[in-house]
Amino acid sequence: MARLYLIRHGEPSGTWGQSADPDPGLTELGRSQAESAGERLAKTPPKLIVSSPLRRARETAIPLARTMNVDPKIAEAVAEIPTPASIPFAQRGDWLRNLMMGEWSAADASLQTWRDGVVAYLASLQDDTAVFSHFVAINVALGAAIGDDRVVCFKPAHASITVLETKRCAIALVELGETADTAVR
């Protein structure tokens, strides 16, 4: 049984419809949030660090990685939800807002496959692991742990830490992280 610490990235310097940068890093506040999360995790350090390939998640992982003197493993499986190719960049925010109001069972098959991949990857982790990820991916994990089909069943704050455990090929909730309202622009 492994303990998984799912950390939402710190406050990003831009969001989907707000920034020309498709891969923004962290704001000053986001870097401070990352430091705080790293300090909390260092008290009961995980054995591994996994990060989404996106810059805001990688930057959030830096303080813990520095403390543990390890390089995070980059895992596409815990990256941001993929936008269907048919959705223009300018409409991505509207698409995501609509998706977030629904349930996975009503989502496109490719998104259900992505969701299943997130759950399978997390369930396969066999060591205590800090996973630096994103709002929807963390909701996927929580939904699987508590049997909730909603796309959004929890609103994790930036740099919040949600704790799950793997049990055989499943995941279970141990502790929810801090919550906050999130605006998709």
C-alpha atoms as a PDB file:
ATOM      1  CA  MET A   1       0.000   0.000   0.000  1.00  0.00           C
ATOM      2  CA  ALA A   2       1.431   3.358  -1.061  1.00  0.00           C
ATOM      3  CA  ARG A   3       0.450   6.789   0.142  1.00  0.00           C
ATOM      4  CA  LEU A   4      -0.075   9.336  -2.653  1.00  0.00           C
ATOM      5  CA  TYR A   5       0.187  13.055  -1.982  1.00  0.00           C
ATOM      6  CA  LEU A   6      -1.604  14.850  -4.831  1.00  0.00           C
ATOM      7  CA  ILE A   7      -0.487  18.464  -4.970  1.00  0.00           C
ATOM      8  CA  ARG A   8      -2.210  20.950  -7.229  1.00  0.00           C
ATOM      9  CA  HIS A   9       0.269  23.332  -8.819  1.00  0.00           C
ATOM     10  CA  GLY A  10       0.740  26.781  -7.286  1.00  0.00           C
ATOM     11  CA  GLU A  11      -0.902  29.898  -8.677  1.00  0.00           C
ATOM     12  CA  PRO A  12       0.027  30.141 -12.382  1.00  0.00           C
ATOM     13  CA  SER A  13       1.118  33.336 -14.102  1.00  0.00           C
ATOM     14  CA  GLY A  14      -1.581  32.825 -16.725  1.00  0.00           C
ATOM     15  CA  THR A  15      -4.662  30.740 -17.418  1.00  0.00           C
ATOM     16  CA  TRP A  16      -6.214  29.166 -20.485  1.00  0.00           C
ATOM     17  CA  GLY A  17      -7.973  32.158 -21.984  1.00  0.00           C
ATOM     18  CA  GLN A  18      -5.928  34.815 -20.249  1.00  0.00           C
ATOM     19  CA  SER A  19      -2.375  34.157 -21.396  1.00  0.00           C
ATOM     20  CA  ALA A  20      -0.663  33.844 -24.742  1.00  0.00           C
ATOM     21  CA  ASP A  21       1.745  31.427 -23.037  1.00  0.00           C
ATOM     22  CA  PRO A  22       0.335  27.887 -23.363  1.00  0.00           C
ATOM     23  CA  ASP A  23       2.608  26.716 -20.534  1.00  0.00           C
ATOM     24  CA  PRO A  24       2.813  29.447 -17.872  1.00  0.00           C
ATOM     25  CA  GLY A  25       5.006  29.174 -14.805  1.00  0.00           C
ATOM     26  CA  LEU A  26       4.175  30.348 -11.298  1.00  0.00           C
ATOM     27  CA  THR A  27       3.512  33.821  -9.918  1.00  0.00           C
ATOM     28  CA  GLU A  28       5.385  35.055  -6.845  1.00  0.00           C
ATOM     29  CA  LEU A  29       2.433  33.819  -4.765  1.00  0.00           C
ATOM     30  CA  GLY A  30       2.599  30.483  -6.583  1.00  0.00           C
ATOM     31  CA  ARG A  31       6.287  30.108  -5.708  1.00  0.00           C
ATOM     32  CA  SER A  32       5.470  30.865  -2.058  1.00  0.00           C
ATOM     33  CA  GLN A  33       2.681  28.272  -2.139  1.00  0.00           C
ATOM     34  CA  ALA A  34       5.141  25.745  -3.607  1.00  0.00           C
ATOM     35  CA  GLU A  35       7.620  26.438  -0.789  1.00  0.00           C
ATOM     36  CA  SER A  36       4.891  25.909   1.829  1.00  0.00           C
ATOM     37  CA  ALA A  37       3.750  22.641   0.232  1.00  0.00           C
ATOM     38  CA  GLY A  38       7.350  21.456   0.047  1.00  0.00           C
ATOM     39  CA  GLU A  39       7.876  22.217   3.743  1.00  0.00           C
ATOM     40  CA  ARG A  40       4.718  20.297   4.716  1.00  0.00           C
ATOM     41  CA  LEU A  41       5.673  17.290   2.598  1.00  0.00           C
ATOM     42  CA  ALA A  42       9.261  17.268   3.887  1.00  0.00           C
ATOM     43  CA  LYS A  43       7.924  16.431   7.380  1.00  0.00           C
ATOM     44  CA  THR A  44       6.822  12.989   6.148  1.00  0.00           C
ATOM     45  CA  PRO A  45       8.809  12.763   2.944  1.00  0.00           C
ATOM     46  CA  PRO A  46       7.572  10.530   0.159  1.00  0.00           C
ATOM     47  CA  LYS A  47      10.050   8.218  -1.561  1.00  0.00           C
ATOM     48  CA  LEU A  48       9.320   9.544  -5.065  1.00  0.00           C
ATOM     49  CA  ILE A  49       8.310  12.780  -6.736  1.00  0.00           C
ATOM     50  CA  VAL A  50       6.230  12.722  -9.914  1.00  0.00           C
ATOM     51  CA  SER A  51       5.256  15.828 -11.845  1.00  0.00           C
ATOM     52  CA  SER A  52       3.097  16.748 -14.770  1.00  0.00           C
ATOM     53  CA  PRO A  53       5.292  17.944 -17.644  1.00  0.00           C
ATOM     54  CA  LEU A  54       3.657  21.377 -17.502  1.00  0.00           C
ATOM     55  CA  ARG A  55       5.824  24.166 -16.128  1.00  0.00           C
ATOM     56  CA  ARG A  56       3.509  25.251 -13.303  1.00  0.00           C
ATOM     57  CA  ALA A  57       3.510  21.715 -11.853  1.00  0.00           C
ATOM     58  CA  ARG A  58       7.276  21.237 -12.336  1.00  0.00           C
ATOM     59  CA  GLU A  59       7.952  24.580 -10.623  1.00  0.00           C
ATOM     60  CA  THR A  60       5.676  23.601  -7.718  1.00  0.00           C
ATOM     61  CA  ALA A  61       7.704  20.395  -7.273  1.00  0.00           C
ATOM     62  CA  ILE A  62      11.066  22.218  -7.061  1.00  0.00           C
ATOM     63  CA  PRO A  63      11.122  23.003  -3.306  1.00  0.00           C
ATOM     64  CA  LEU A  64      10.420  19.397  -2.289  1.00  0.00           C
ATOM     65  CA  ALA A  65      12.804  18.023  -4.924  1.00  0.00           C
ATOM     66  CA  ARG A  66      15.530  20.351  -3.667  1.00  0.00           C
ATOM     67  CA  THR A  67      14.952  19.249  -0.046  1.00  0.00           C
ATOM     68  CA  MET A  68      14.995  15.555  -1.009  1.00  0.00           C
ATOM     69  CA  ASN A  69      17.856  16.051  -3.493  1.00  0.00           C
ATOM     70  CA  VAL A  70      16.026  14.143  -6.244  1.00  0.00           C
ATOM     71  CA  ASP A  71      14.775  14.932  -9.725  1.00  0.00           C
ATOM     72  CA  PRO A  72      11.028  14.565 -10.194  1.00  0.00           C
ATOM     73  CA  LYS A  73       9.884  11.905 -12.630  1.00  0.00           C
ATOM     74  CA  ILE A  74       7.897  13.592 -15.396  1.00  0.00           C
ATOM     75  CA  ALA A  75       4.644  11.746 -16.138  1.00  0.00           C
ATOM     76  CA  GLU A  76       2.282  12.697 -18.938  1.00  0.00           C
ATOM     77  CA  ALA A  77      -0.367  10.594 -17.155  1.00  0.00           C
ATOM     78  CA  VAL A  78      -0.860  13.351 -14.537  1.00  0.00           C
ATOM     79  CA  ALA A  79      -0.819  16.278 -16.975  1.00  0.00           C
ATOM     80  CA  GLU A  80      -3.664  18.681 -17.649  1.00  0.00           C
ATOM     81  CA  ILE A  81      -6.808  17.315 -19.271  1.00  0.00           C
ATOM     82  CA  PRO A  82      -6.281  17.268 -23.053  1.00  0.00           C
ATOM     83  CA  THR A  83      -8.408  19.575 -25.164  1.00  0.00           C
ATOM     84  CA  PRO A  84      -9.987  17.816 -28.152  1.00  0.00           C
ATOM     85  CA  ALA A  85      -8.339  18.831 -31.433  1.00  0.00           C
ATOM     86  CA  SER A  86     -11.688  20.123 -32.692  1.00  0.00           C
ATOM     87  CA  ILE A  87     -11.773  22.854 -30.002  1.00  0.00           C
ATOM     88  CA  PRO A  88     -10.011  26.099 -31.025  1.00  0.00           C
ATOM     89  CA  PHE A  89      -7.679  27.566 -28.392  1.00  0.00           C
ATOM     90  CA  ALA A  90      -9.946  30.608 -27.963  1.00  0.00           C
ATOM     91  CA  GLN A  91     -12.877  28.324 -27.046  1.00  0.00           C
ATOM     92  CA  ARG A  92     -10.952  26.092 -24.643  1.00  0.00           C
ATOM     93  CA  GLY A  93     -12.228  27.903 -21.533  1.00  0.00           C
ATOM     94  CA  ASP A  94     -15.866  27.564 -22.593  1.00  0.00           C
ATOM     95  CA  TRP A  95     -15.342  23.907 -23.435  1.00  0.00           C
ATOM     96  CA  LEU A  96     -13.758  23.188 -20.050  1.00  0.00           C
ATOM     97  CA  ARG A  97     -16.407  25.111 -18.078  1.00  0.00           C
ATOM     98  CA  ASN A  98     -19.133  23.044 -19.765  1.00  0.00           C
ATOM     99  CA  LEU A  99     -17.272  19.777 -19.191  1.00  0.00           C
ATOM    100  CA  MET A 100     -16.693  20.583 -15.523  1.00  0.00           C
ATOM    101  CA  MET A 101     -20.455  20.866 -14.926  1.00  0.00           C
ATOM    102  CA  GLY A 102     -21.049  17.313 -16.140  1.00  0.00           C
ATOM    103  CA  GLU A 103     -20.240  13.699 -15.474  1.00  0.00           C
ATOM    104  CA  TRP A 104     -17.545  11.475 -16.932  1.00  0.00           C
ATOM    105  CA  SER A 105     -20.108   8.977 -18.203  1.00  0.00           C
ATOM    106  CA  ALA A 106     -21.420  11.707 -20.555  1.00  0.00           C
ATOM    107  CA  ALA A 107     -17.937  12.804 -21.710  1.00  0.00           C
ATOM    108  CA  ASP A 108     -16.323  11.977 -25.023  1.00  0.00           C
ATOM    109  CA  ALA A 109     -14.719   8.498 -25.142  1.00  0.00           C
ATOM    110  CA  SER A 110     -11.231   9.987 -25.555  1.00  0.00           C
ATOM    111  CA  LEU A 111     -11.671  11.938 -22.307  1.00  0.00           C
ATOM    112  CA  GLN A 112     -12.901   8.826 -20.511  1.00  0.00           C
ATOM    113  CA  THR A 113      -9.772   7.054 -21.768  1.00  0.00           C
ATOM    114  CA  TRP A 114      -7.617   9.915 -20.398  1.00  0.00           C
ATOM    115  CA  ARG A 115      -9.458   9.679 -17.053  1.00  0.00           C
ATOM    116  CA  ASP A 116      -8.929   5.923 -16.890  1.00  0.00           C
ATOM    117  CA  GLY A 117      -5.223   6.443 -17.645  1.00  0.00           C
ATOM    118  CA  VAL A 118      -4.843   8.872 -14.731  1.00  0.00           C
ATOM    119  CA  VAL A 119      -6.451   6.383 -12.342  1.00  0.00           C
ATOM    120  CA  ALA A 120      -4.434   3.422 -13.671  1.00  0.00           C
ATOM    121  CA  TYR A 121      -1.162   5.335 -13.368  1.00  0.00           C
ATOM    122  CA  LEU A 122      -1.848   6.448  -9.801  1.00  0.00           C
ATOM    123  CA  ALA A 123      -3.045   2.990  -8.750  1.00  0.00           C
ATOM    124  CA  SER A 124       0.167   1.484 -10.142  1.00  0.00           C
ATOM    125  CA  LEU A 125       2.434   3.558  -7.873  1.00  0.00           C
ATOM    126  CA  GLN A 126       3.917   1.273  -5.245  1.00  0.00           C
ATOM    127  CA  ASP A 127       5.918   3.731  -3.156  1.00  0.00           C
ATOM    128  CA  ASP A 128       4.836   6.790  -1.186  1.00  0.00           C
ATOM    129  CA  THR A 129       4.801   9.455  -3.894  1.00  0.00           C
ATOM    130  CA  ALA A 130       4.260  13.208  -4.168  1.00  0.00           C
ATOM    131  CA  VAL A 131       2.354  13.843  -7.408  1.00  0.00           C
ATOM    132  CA  PHE A 132       2.333  17.446  -8.669  1.00  0.00           C
ATOM    133  CA  SER A 133      -0.647  17.785 -10.951  1.00  0.00           C
ATOM    134  CA  HIS A 134      -3.746  19.770 -11.939  1.00  0.00           C
ATOM    135  CA  PHE A 135      -7.321  20.529 -10.875  1.00  0.00           C
ATOM    136  CA  VAL A 136      -9.120  18.053 -13.161  1.00  0.00           C
ATOM    137  CA  ALA A 137      -6.582  15.237 -12.743  1.00  0.00           C
ATOM    138  CA  ILE A 138      -6.886  15.512  -8.959  1.00  0.00           C
ATOM    139  CA  ASN A 139     -10.674  15.396  -9.329  1.00  0.00           C
ATOM    140  CA  VAL A 140     -10.306  12.259 -11.444  1.00  0.00           C
ATOM    141  CA  ALA A 141      -8.339  10.575  -8.656  1.00  0.00           C
ATOM    142  CA  LEU A 142     -10.746  11.662  -5.949  1.00  0.00           C
ATOM    143  CA  GLY A 143     -13.776  10.636  -7.998  1.00  0.00           C
ATOM    144  CA  ALA A 144     -12.276   7.174  -8.459  1.00  0.00           C
ATOM    145  CA  ALA A 145     -11.473   6.930  -4.756  1.00  0.00           C
ATOM    146  CA  ILE A 146     -14.981   7.846  -3.583  1.00  0.00           C
ATOM    147  CA  GLY A 147     -17.047   6.498  -6.495  1.00  0.00           C
ATOM    148  CA  ASP A 148     -18.185   9.911  -7.775  1.00  0.00           C
ATOM    149  CA  ASP A 149     -18.790  10.241 -11.544  1.00  0.00           C
ATOM    150  CA  ARG A 150     -18.843  14.050 -11.555  1.00  0.00           C
ATOM    151  CA  VAL A 151     -15.994  15.734 -13.416  1.00  0.00           C
ATOM    152  CA  VAL A 152     -15.635  18.119 -10.464  1.00  0.00           C
ATOM    153  CA  CYS A 153     -16.337  16.663  -7.033  1.00  0.00           C
ATOM    154  CA  PHE A 154     -13.760  18.799  -5.204  1.00  0.00           C
ATOM    155  CA  LYS A 155     -12.162  22.232  -5.711  1.00  0.00           C
ATOM    156  CA  PRO A 156      -8.520  21.900  -4.638  1.00  0.00           C
ATOM    157  CA  ALA A 157      -6.764  25.164  -3.815  1.00  0.00           C
ATOM    158  CA  HIS A 158      -3.435  25.994  -5.403  1.00  0.00           C
ATOM    159  CA  ALA A 159      -0.680  23.903  -3.766  1.00  0.00           C
ATOM    160  CA  SER A 160      -3.226  21.975  -1.680  1.00  0.00           C
ATOM    161  CA  ILE A 161      -2.298  18.422  -0.731  1.00  0.00           C
ATOM    162  CA  THR A 162      -4.855  15.639  -1.041  1.00  0.00           C
ATOM    163  CA  VAL A 163      -3.795  12.275   0.371  1.00  0.00           C
ATOM    164  CA  LEU A 164      -4.840   8.954  -1.154  1.00  0.00           C
ATOM    165  CA  GLU A 165      -3.666   5.375  -0.701  1.00  0.00           C
ATOM    166  CA  THR A 166      -3.334   2.662  -3.262  1.00  0.00           C
ATOM    167  CA  LYS A 167      -5.010  -0.582  -2.302  1.00  0.00           C
ATOM    168  CA  ARG A 168      -4.278  -3.382  -4.742  1.00  0.00           C
ATOM    169  CA  CYS A 169      -5.370  -1.862  -8.073  1.00  0.00           C
ATOM    170  CA  ALA A 170      -7.590   0.826  -6.547  1.00  0.00           C
ATOM    171  CA  ILE A 171      -7.163   4.103  -4.707  1.00  0.00           C
ATOM    172  CA  ALA A 172      -8.824   5.278  -1.503  1.00  0.00           C
ATOM    173  CA  LEU A 173      -9.221   8.698   0.090  1.00  0.00           C
ATOM    174  CA  VAL A 174      -7.238   9.449   3.240  1.00  0.00           C
ATOM    175  CA  GLU A 175      -7.520  13.240   3.484  1.00  0.00           C
ATOM    176  CA  LEU A 176      -8.854  16.052   1.311  1.00  0.00           C
ATOM    177  CA  GLY A 177      -6.644  19.048   0.688  1.00  0.00           C
ATOM    178  CA  GLU A 178      -7.666  22.680   1.106  1.00  0.00           C
ATOM    179  CA  THR A 179     -10.412  23.960  -1.169  1.00  0.00           C
ATOM    180  CA  ALA A 180     -10.877  27.219  -3.057  1.00  0.00           C
ATOM    181  CA  ASP A 181     -12.989  28.540  -5.876  1.00  0.00           C
ATOM    182  CA  THR A 182     -11.315  28.224  -9.256  1.00  0.00           C
ATOM    183  CA  ALA A 183     -12.244  30.363 -12.217  1.00  0.00           C
ATOM    184  CA  VAL A 184     -11.786  28.949 -15.709  1.00  0.00           C
ATOM    185  CA  ARG A 185     -11.278  31.898 -17.999  1.00  0.00           C
END
